[in-house]
Amino acid sequence: MGLLDGRAAVITGAAQGIGFEIARALGAAGAPVLIGDLDGDAAWVAAERLRKEDIDAAAQRCDVTDEEDVSALVAECTERFGPVKVMVNNAGITRDATMRKMSPDDFRAVLDVHLTGAWNGTRYAAEVMRAHGGGSIVNISSIAGKVGNFGQTNYSAAKAGMVGLTKAAAKELARAGIRVNAVQPGLIRTAMTEAMPRAAWDAKLAEIPLGRAGEPAEVAQAVLFLASEMASYLTGAVLEVTGGRYM
């Protein structure tokens, strides 16, 4: 028996990276998973990879800033796999620059994808969960939302906003049996972080008590915990997956 046997899950931004590992972890725990991603072709390829691992997976193109797209994503999961029981709002983008150089469009775009996207996902998944006995929503924030990152006023603001969204939604939805929690990853080894200049990488690494970067699968295991009944008395919580950085 898996931790999530038969509990249908939707993961946004899951065609690659941390999102894909979350989909893999939830699927391996027994959840049928629907990958939503702006790149529909990449989402289909990701779902095919999971199916080769005997995970019941499907994919659908989704722009998380578009209410109709998110509504359709949740409806597709419900029709294909049954009512959504787990919603992971993971989709995100970066448009890094200092405030002096950042355009208003790039500031708004990052807030829209992360924050409006998570709000849309929470809202539409919650409607299904209300009608079917509850569920678990996990928002993927970042340690940048706790401490702020130089050159990322947009990203840091969006990720901090997701924490506030998580806590407010947890209060609103608790009586419906819906838990809402957040995960804040720190330095995680992905294609994006490994492209950083060596000096920047080493500086960040020096701040981590465990002495290493995290792996996407380690973030995914934290999400699996929050999605499962092992976390049945956790709501409104923010789980830092940082190796102790910024304790």
C-alpha atoms as a PDB file:
ATOM      1  CA  MET A   1       0.000   0.000   0.000  1.00  0.00           C
ATOM      2  CA  GLY A   2       1.282   3.435  -0.965  1.00  0.00           C
ATOM      3  CA  LEU A   3       0.820   6.611   1.059  1.00  0.00           C
ATOM      4  CA  LEU A   4      -1.368   8.102  -1.672  1.00  0.00           C
ATOM      5  CA  ASP A   5      -3.086   5.065  -3.190  1.00  0.00           C
ATOM      6  CA  GLY A   6      -5.959   6.255  -5.375  1.00  0.00           C
ATOM      7  CA  ARG A   7      -5.606   9.922  -4.363  1.00  0.00           C
ATOM      8  CA  ALA A   8      -5.563  11.884  -7.617  1.00  0.00           C
ATOM      9  CA  ALA A   9      -2.903  14.593  -7.768  1.00  0.00           C
ATOM     10  CA  VAL A  10      -2.326  17.655  -9.941  1.00  0.00           C
ATOM     11  CA  ILE A  11       1.149  19.191 -10.138  1.00  0.00           C
ATOM     12  CA  THR A  12       1.727  22.422 -12.054  1.00  0.00           C
ATOM     13  CA  GLY A  13       5.047  23.241 -13.698  1.00  0.00           C
ATOM     14  CA  ALA A  14       5.942  19.570 -13.554  1.00  0.00           C
ATOM     15  CA  ALA A  15       7.439  18.929 -16.981  1.00  0.00           C
ATOM     16  CA  GLN A  16      10.941  19.143 -15.532  1.00  0.00           C
ATOM     17  CA  GLY A  17      13.056  19.866 -12.474  1.00  0.00           C
ATOM     18  CA  ILE A  18      11.592  19.881  -8.990  1.00  0.00           C
ATOM     19  CA  GLY A  19       8.025  19.660 -10.316  1.00  0.00           C
ATOM     20  CA  PHE A  20       8.795  16.483 -12.231  1.00  0.00           C
ATOM     21  CA  GLU A  21      10.379  14.884  -9.167  1.00  0.00           C
ATOM     22  CA  ILE A  22       7.285  15.795  -7.151  1.00  0.00           C
ATOM     23  CA  ALA A  23       5.075  14.112  -9.745  1.00  0.00           C
ATOM     24  CA  ARG A  24       7.349  11.057  -9.659  1.00  0.00           C
ATOM     25  CA  ALA A  25       7.297  10.833  -5.852  1.00  0.00           C
ATOM     26  CA  LEU A  26       3.517  11.199  -5.593  1.00  0.00           C
ATOM     27  CA  GLY A  27       3.011   8.711  -8.403  1.00  0.00           C
ATOM     28  CA  ALA A  28       5.363   6.185  -6.842  1.00  0.00           C
ATOM     29  CA  ALA A  29       3.304   6.510  -3.644  1.00  0.00           C
ATOM     30  CA  GLY A  30       0.188   5.420  -5.526  1.00  0.00           C
ATOM     31  CA  ALA A  31      -1.350   8.673  -6.752  1.00  0.00           C
ATOM     32  CA  PRO A  32      -2.492   8.965 -10.353  1.00  0.00           C
ATOM     33  CA  VAL A  33      -0.876  12.237 -11.434  1.00  0.00           C
ATOM     34  CA  LEU A  34      -1.799  14.936 -13.913  1.00  0.00           C
ATOM     35  CA  ILE A  35       1.074  17.155 -15.028  1.00  0.00           C
ATOM     36  CA  GLY A  36       0.125  20.696 -15.943  1.00  0.00           C
ATOM     37  CA  ASP A  37       2.703  22.820 -17.725  1.00  0.00           C
ATOM     38  CA  LEU A  38       2.838  25.810 -20.041  1.00  0.00           C
ATOM     39  CA  ASP A  39       4.905  23.644 -22.408  1.00  0.00           C
ATOM     40  CA  GLY A  40       2.319  21.043 -23.356  1.00  0.00           C
ATOM     41  CA  ASP A  41       4.736  18.942 -25.408  1.00  0.00           C
ATOM     42  CA  ALA A  42       7.240  18.754 -22.548  1.00  0.00           C
ATOM     43  CA  ALA A  43       4.430  17.826 -20.171  1.00  0.00           C
ATOM     44  CA  TRP A  44       3.424  14.965 -22.454  1.00  0.00           C
ATOM     45  CA  VAL A  45       7.024  13.708 -22.591  1.00  0.00           C
ATOM     46  CA  ALA A  46       7.259  13.890 -18.787  1.00  0.00           C
ATOM     47  CA  ALA A  47       4.041  11.910 -18.374  1.00  0.00           C
ATOM     48  CA  GLU A  48       5.345   9.284 -20.791  1.00  0.00           C
ATOM     49  CA  ARG A  49       8.527   8.973 -18.709  1.00  0.00           C
ATOM     50  CA  LEU A  50       6.418   8.353 -15.615  1.00  0.00           C
ATOM     51  CA  ARG A  51       4.240   5.799 -17.385  1.00  0.00           C
ATOM     52  CA  LYS A  52       7.411   3.846 -18.192  1.00  0.00           C
ATOM     53  CA  GLU A  53       7.954   3.675 -14.433  1.00  0.00           C
ATOM     54  CA  ASP A  54       4.460   2.176 -14.006  1.00  0.00           C
ATOM     55  CA  ILE A  55       3.007   5.434 -12.726  1.00  0.00           C
ATOM     56  CA  ASP A  56      -0.491   6.350 -13.865  1.00  0.00           C
ATOM     57  CA  ALA A  57       0.241   9.740 -15.414  1.00  0.00           C
ATOM     58  CA  ALA A  58      -1.289  12.163 -17.883  1.00  0.00           C
ATOM     59  CA  ALA A  59      -0.495  15.677 -19.073  1.00  0.00           C
ATOM     60  CA  GLN A  60      -2.264  18.844 -20.101  1.00  0.00           C
ATOM     61  CA  ARG A  61      -1.057  22.251 -21.207  1.00  0.00           C
ATOM     62  CA  CYS A  62      -1.874  24.871 -18.592  1.00  0.00           C
ATOM     63  CA  ASP A  63      -1.117  28.549 -18.144  1.00  0.00           C
ATOM     64  CA  VAL A  64      -1.557  28.944 -14.390  1.00  0.00           C
ATOM     65  CA  THR A  65      -2.293  32.656 -14.745  1.00  0.00           C
ATOM     66  CA  ASP A  66      -5.371  31.806 -16.824  1.00  0.00           C
ATOM     67  CA  GLU A  67      -8.394  30.904 -14.707  1.00  0.00           C
ATOM     68  CA  GLU A  68      -9.993  28.872 -17.483  1.00  0.00           C
ATOM     69  CA  ASP A  69      -6.829  26.827 -17.984  1.00  0.00           C
ATOM     70  CA  VAL A  70      -6.561  26.008 -14.286  1.00  0.00           C
ATOM     71  CA  SER A  71     -10.239  25.185 -14.031  1.00  0.00           C
ATOM     72  CA  ALA A  72      -9.888  22.878 -17.047  1.00  0.00           C
ATOM     73  CA  LEU A  73      -6.810  21.215 -15.522  1.00  0.00           C
ATOM     74  CA  VAL A  74      -8.654  20.378 -12.307  1.00  0.00           C
ATOM     75  CA  ALA A  75     -11.686  19.198 -14.288  1.00  0.00           C
ATOM     76  CA  GLU A  76      -9.502  16.958 -16.472  1.00  0.00           C
ATOM     77  CA  CYS A  77      -7.977  15.313 -13.416  1.00  0.00           C
ATOM     78  CA  THR A  78     -11.398  14.723 -11.897  1.00  0.00           C
ATOM     79  CA  GLU A  79     -12.737  13.229 -15.101  1.00  0.00           C
ATOM     80  CA  ARG A  80      -9.714  11.050 -15.787  1.00  0.00           C
ATOM     81  CA  PHE A  81      -8.620   9.939 -12.318  1.00  0.00           C
ATOM     82  CA  GLY A  82     -11.364  10.981  -9.902  1.00  0.00           C
ATOM     83  CA  PRO A  83     -11.689  14.031  -7.635  1.00  0.00           C
ATOM     84  CA  VAL A  84      -8.506  15.954  -6.986  1.00  0.00           C
ATOM     85  CA  LYS A  85      -7.197  15.058  -3.546  1.00  0.00           C
ATOM     86  CA  VAL A  86      -3.726  16.581  -3.851  1.00  0.00           C
ATOM     87  CA  MET A  87      -2.877  19.895  -5.530  1.00  0.00           C
ATOM     88  CA  VAL A  88       0.732  21.047  -5.809  1.00  0.00           C
ATOM     89  CA  ASN A  89       1.191  24.634  -6.977  1.00  0.00           C
ATOM     90  CA  ASN A  90       4.744  24.489  -8.262  1.00  0.00           C
ATOM     91  CA  ALA A  91       4.773  26.488 -11.515  1.00  0.00           C
ATOM     92  CA  GLY A  92       7.183  29.393 -11.549  1.00  0.00           C
ATOM     93  CA  ILE A  93       9.511  31.598 -13.577  1.00  0.00           C
ATOM     94  CA  THR A  94      12.419  33.935 -12.899  1.00  0.00           C
ATOM     95  CA  ARG A  95      13.163  37.345 -14.428  1.00  0.00           C
ATOM     96  CA  ASP A  96      16.167  38.441 -12.383  1.00  0.00           C
ATOM     97  CA  ALA A  97      17.497  41.997 -12.273  1.00  0.00           C
ATOM     98  CA  THR A  98      18.169  44.672  -9.689  1.00  0.00           C
ATOM     99  CA  MET A  99      15.295  47.061  -9.028  1.00  0.00           C
ATOM    100  CA  ARG A 100      17.035  49.782 -11.033  1.00  0.00           C
ATOM    101  CA  LYS A 101      17.080  47.544 -14.102  1.00  0.00           C
ATOM    102  CA  MET A 102      13.958  45.392 -13.660  1.00  0.00           C
ATOM    103  CA  SER A 103      11.039  46.306 -15.893  1.00  0.00           C
ATOM    104  CA  PRO A 104       7.536  46.597 -14.430  1.00  0.00           C
ATOM    105  CA  ASP A 105       6.462  43.872 -16.856  1.00  0.00           C
ATOM    106  CA  ASP A 106       9.054  41.461 -15.469  1.00  0.00           C
ATOM    107  CA  PHE A 107       8.026  42.292 -11.910  1.00  0.00           C
ATOM    108  CA  ARG A 108       4.369  41.630 -12.681  1.00  0.00           C
ATOM    109  CA  ALA A 109       5.042  38.483 -14.715  1.00  0.00           C
ATOM    110  CA  VAL A 110       6.851  36.746 -11.875  1.00  0.00           C
ATOM    111  CA  LEU A 111       4.183  37.702  -9.336  1.00  0.00           C
ATOM    112  CA  ASP A 112       1.454  36.584 -11.709  1.00  0.00           C
ATOM    113  CA  VAL A 113       2.871  33.121 -12.401  1.00  0.00           C
ATOM    114  CA  HIS A 114       3.856  32.300  -8.822  1.00  0.00           C
ATOM    115  CA  LEU A 115       1.241  34.071  -6.763  1.00  0.00           C
ATOM    116  CA  THR A 116      -1.822  34.339  -8.999  1.00  0.00           C
ATOM    117  CA  GLY A 117      -1.022  30.847 -10.266  1.00  0.00           C
ATOM    118  CA  ALA A 118      -1.003  29.417  -6.745  1.00  0.00           C
ATOM    119  CA  TRP A 119      -4.198  31.304  -5.916  1.00  0.00           C
ATOM    120  CA  ASN A 120      -5.928  29.901  -8.997  1.00  0.00           C
ATOM    121  CA  GLY A 121      -4.751  26.374  -8.223  1.00  0.00           C
ATOM    122  CA  THR A 122      -5.783  26.604  -4.577  1.00  0.00           C
ATOM    123  CA  ARG A 123      -9.181  28.059  -5.409  1.00  0.00           C
ATOM    124  CA  TYR A 124     -10.191  25.562  -8.087  1.00  0.00           C
ATOM    125  CA  ALA A 125      -8.791  22.499  -6.338  1.00  0.00           C
ATOM    126  CA  ALA A 126     -10.525  23.533  -3.116  1.00  0.00           C
ATOM    127  CA  GLU A 127     -13.913  23.596  -4.831  1.00  0.00           C
ATOM    128  CA  VAL A 128     -13.526  19.944  -5.814  1.00  0.00           C
ATOM    129  CA  MET A 129     -12.080  18.986  -2.443  1.00  0.00           C
ATOM    130  CA  ARG A 130     -14.970  20.649  -0.580  1.00  0.00           C
ATOM    131  CA  ALA A 131     -17.408  18.445  -2.449  1.00  0.00           C
ATOM    132  CA  HIS A 132     -15.440  15.231  -1.927  1.00  0.00           C
ATOM    133  CA  GLY A 133     -14.370  15.146   1.699  1.00  0.00           C
ATOM    134  CA  GLY A 134     -11.227  17.278   1.733  1.00  0.00           C
ATOM    135  CA  GLY A 135      -7.686  17.047   0.464  1.00  0.00           C
ATOM    136  CA  SER A 136      -4.202  18.505   0.650  1.00  0.00           C
ATOM    137  CA  ILE A 137      -2.792  21.571  -1.129  1.00  0.00           C
ATOM    138  CA  VAL A 138       0.956  22.204  -1.163  1.00  0.00           C
ATOM    139  CA  ASN A 139       2.425  25.493  -2.386  1.00  0.00           C
ATOM    140  CA  ILE A 140       6.063  25.569  -3.455  1.00  0.00           C
ATOM    141  CA  SER A 141       7.528  28.765  -2.047  1.00  0.00           C
ATOM    142  CA  SER A 142      11.273  29.407  -1.611  1.00  0.00           C
ATOM    143  CA  ILE A 143      13.709  30.425   1.083  1.00  0.00           C
ATOM    144  CA  ALA A 144      13.911  33.656  -0.928  1.00  0.00           C
ATOM    145  CA  GLY A 145      10.459  34.417   0.435  1.00  0.00           C
ATOM    146  CA  LYS A 146      11.898  34.340   3.951  1.00  0.00           C
ATOM    147  CA  VAL A 147      15.163  36.239   3.537  1.00  0.00           C
ATOM    148  CA  GLY A 148      14.999  37.970   0.140  1.00  0.00           C
ATOM    149  CA  ASN A 149      17.525  37.476  -2.661  1.00  0.00           C
ATOM    150  CA  PHE A 150      19.610  40.208  -4.253  1.00  0.00           C
ATOM    151  CA  GLY A 151      18.372  40.849  -7.792  1.00  0.00           C
ATOM    152  CA  GLN A 152      15.089  39.048  -7.131  1.00  0.00           C
ATOM    153  CA  THR A 153      12.654  41.576  -5.690  1.00  0.00           C
ATOM    154  CA  ASN A 154       9.950  40.073  -7.910  1.00  0.00           C
ATOM    155  CA  TYR A 155      10.699  36.437  -7.049  1.00  0.00           C
ATOM    156  CA  SER A 156      11.233  37.086  -3.335  1.00  0.00           C
ATOM    157  CA  ALA A 157       8.001  39.073  -3.101  1.00  0.00           C
ATOM    158  CA  ALA A 158       6.066  36.365  -4.932  1.00  0.00           C
ATOM    159  CA  LYS A 159       7.440  33.575  -2.753  1.00  0.00           C
ATOM    160  CA  ALA A 160       6.737  35.530   0.439  1.00  0.00           C
ATOM    161  CA  GLY A 161       3.225  36.150  -0.827  1.00  0.00           C
ATOM    162  CA  MET A 162       2.724  32.439  -1.274  1.00  0.00           C
ATOM    163  CA  VAL A 163       3.357  31.949   2.433  1.00  0.00           C
ATOM    164  CA  GLY A 164       0.651  34.473   3.292  1.00  0.00           C
ATOM    165  CA  LEU A 165      -1.688  32.843   0.777  1.00  0.00           C
ATOM    166  CA  THR A 166      -0.984  29.442   2.315  1.00  0.00           C
ATOM    167  CA  LYS A 167      -1.788  30.551   5.848  1.00  0.00           C
ATOM    168  CA  ALA A 168      -4.936  32.464   4.907  1.00  0.00           C
ATOM    169  CA  ALA A 169      -6.234  29.614   2.751  1.00  0.00           C
ATOM    170  CA  ALA A 170      -5.469  27.116   5.523  1.00  0.00           C
ATOM    171  CA  LYS A 171      -7.714  29.093   7.876  1.00  0.00           C
ATOM    172  CA  GLU A 172     -10.515  29.372   5.324  1.00  0.00           C
ATOM    173  CA  LEU A 173     -10.468  25.726   4.239  1.00  0.00           C
ATOM    174  CA  ALA A 174      -9.784  23.833   7.471  1.00  0.00           C
ATOM    175  CA  ARG A 175     -13.458  23.226   8.250  1.00  0.00           C
ATOM    176  CA  ALA A 176     -13.849  21.566   4.862  1.00  0.00           C
ATOM    177  CA  GLY A 177     -11.112  19.063   5.707  1.00  0.00           C
ATOM    178  CA  ILE A 178      -8.627  20.716   3.357  1.00  0.00           C
ATOM    179  CA  ARG A 179      -5.068  21.198   4.567  1.00  0.00           C
ATOM    180  CA  VAL A 180      -2.877  23.885   2.972  1.00  0.00           C
ATOM    181  CA  ASN A 181       0.866  23.927   3.561  1.00  0.00           C
ATOM    182  CA  ALA A 182       3.989  25.298   1.904  1.00  0.00           C
ATOM    183  CA  VAL A 183       7.509  24.097   1.195  1.00  0.00           C
ATOM    184  CA  GLN A 184      10.453  26.482   0.989  1.00  0.00           C
ATOM    185  CA  PRO A 185      13.395  24.895  -0.850  1.00  0.00           C
ATOM    186  CA  GLY A 186      16.858  26.356  -0.466  1.00  0.00           C
ATOM    187  CA  LEU A 187      19.808  25.650  -2.757  1.00  0.00           C
ATOM    188  CA  ILE A 188      18.646  22.679  -4.825  1.00  0.00           C
ATOM    189  CA  ARG A 189      20.791  21.093  -7.534  1.00  0.00           C
ATOM    190  CA  THR A 190      18.960  21.799 -10.797  1.00  0.00           C
ATOM    191  CA  ALA A 191      20.036  22.821 -14.297  1.00  0.00           C
ATOM    192  CA  MET A 192      19.301  26.442 -13.388  1.00  0.00           C
ATOM    193  CA  THR A 193      21.338  26.529 -10.173  1.00  0.00           C
ATOM    194  CA  GLU A 194      24.231  24.582 -11.665  1.00  0.00           C
ATOM    195  CA  ALA A 195      24.521  27.273 -14.335  1.00  0.00           C
ATOM    196  CA  MET A 196      25.466  29.828 -11.645  1.00  0.00           C
ATOM    197  CA  PRO A 197      29.045  31.147 -11.602  1.00  0.00           C
ATOM    198  CA  ARG A 198      31.265  28.947  -9.462  1.00  0.00           C
ATOM    199  CA  ALA A 199      31.966  31.729  -6.981  1.00  0.00           C
ATOM    200  CA  ALA A 200      28.244  32.322  -6.415  1.00  0.00           C
ATOM    201  CA  TRP A 201      27.637  28.590  -5.964  1.00  0.00           C
ATOM    202  CA  ASP A 202      30.473  28.279  -3.431  1.00  0.00           C
ATOM    203  CA  ALA A 203      29.235  31.311  -1.489  1.00  0.00           C
ATOM    204  CA  LYS A 204      25.765  29.818  -1.143  1.00  0.00           C
ATOM    205  CA  LEU A 205      27.180  26.408  -0.249  1.00  0.00           C
ATOM    206  CA  ALA A 206      29.205  27.952   2.579  1.00  0.00           C
ATOM    207  CA  GLU A 207      25.946  29.089   4.220  1.00  0.00           C
ATOM    208  CA  ILE A 208      24.526  25.560   4.476  1.00  0.00           C
ATOM    209  CA  PRO A 209      25.214  23.695   7.746  1.00  0.00           C
ATOM    210  CA  LEU A 210      24.790  20.292   6.083  1.00  0.00           C
ATOM    211  CA  GLY A 211      27.514  21.294   3.641  1.00  0.00           C
ATOM    212  CA  ARG A 212      25.832  20.379   0.373  1.00  0.00           C
ATOM    213  CA  ALA A 213      23.087  21.357  -2.034  1.00  0.00           C
ATOM    214  CA  GLY A 214      19.784  19.532  -1.892  1.00  0.00           C
ATOM    215  CA  GLU A 215      18.422  17.269  -4.606  1.00  0.00           C
ATOM    216  CA  PRO A 216      15.014  17.722  -6.289  1.00  0.00           C
ATOM    217  CA  ALA A 217      13.943  14.343  -4.919  1.00  0.00           C
ATOM    218  CA  GLU A 218      14.487  15.622  -1.373  1.00  0.00           C
ATOM    219  CA  VAL A 219      12.036  18.460  -1.979  1.00  0.00           C
ATOM    220  CA  ALA A 220       9.633  15.925  -3.469  1.00  0.00           C
ATOM    221  CA  GLN A 221       9.754  13.767  -0.333  1.00  0.00           C
ATOM    222  CA  ALA A 222       8.769  16.762   1.794  1.00  0.00           C
ATOM    223  CA  VAL A 223       5.815  17.394  -0.517  1.00  0.00           C
ATOM    224  CA  LEU A 224       4.838  13.724  -0.314  1.00  0.00           C
ATOM    225  CA  PHE A 225       4.823  13.958   3.476  1.00  0.00           C
ATOM    226  CA  LEU A 226       2.563  17.031   3.466  1.00  0.00           C
ATOM    227  CA  ALA A 227       0.258  15.501   0.858  1.00  0.00           C
ATOM    228  CA  SER A 228      -0.192  12.285   2.829  1.00  0.00           C
ATOM    229  CA  GLU A 229      -2.062  11.428   5.993  1.00  0.00           C
ATOM    230  CA  MET A 230       1.275  11.368   7.807  1.00  0.00           C
ATOM    231  CA  ALA A 231       0.738  15.149   7.992  1.00  0.00           C
ATOM    232  CA  SER A 232      -2.933  14.905   8.942  1.00  0.00           C
ATOM    233  CA  TYR A 233      -2.591  17.500  11.738  1.00  0.00           C
ATOM    234  CA  LEU A 234      -0.494  19.981   9.776  1.00  0.00           C
ATOM    235  CA  THR A 235      -2.054  22.961   8.086  1.00  0.00           C
ATOM    236  CA  GLY A 236      -0.749  26.469   7.526  1.00  0.00           C
ATOM    237  CA  ALA A 237       2.791  25.156   8.037  1.00  0.00           C
ATOM    238  CA  VAL A 238       5.907  26.191   6.124  1.00  0.00           C
ATOM    239  CA  LEU A 239       8.480  23.426   5.790  1.00  0.00           C
ATOM    240  CA  GLU A 240      12.020  24.597   4.976  1.00  0.00           C
ATOM    241  CA  VAL A 241      14.066  22.174   2.878  1.00  0.00           C
ATOM    242  CA  THR A 242      17.360  24.033   3.053  1.00  0.00           C
ATOM    243  CA  GLY A 243      20.001  21.912   4.775  1.00  0.00           C
ATOM    244  CA  GLY A 244      19.731  24.332   7.698  1.00  0.00           C
ATOM    245  CA  ARG A 245      20.496  27.446   5.671  1.00  0.00           C
ATOM    246  CA  TYR A 246      19.020  30.617   7.211  1.00  0.00           C
ATOM    247  CA  MET A 247      17.772  28.898  10.373  1.00  0.00           C
END
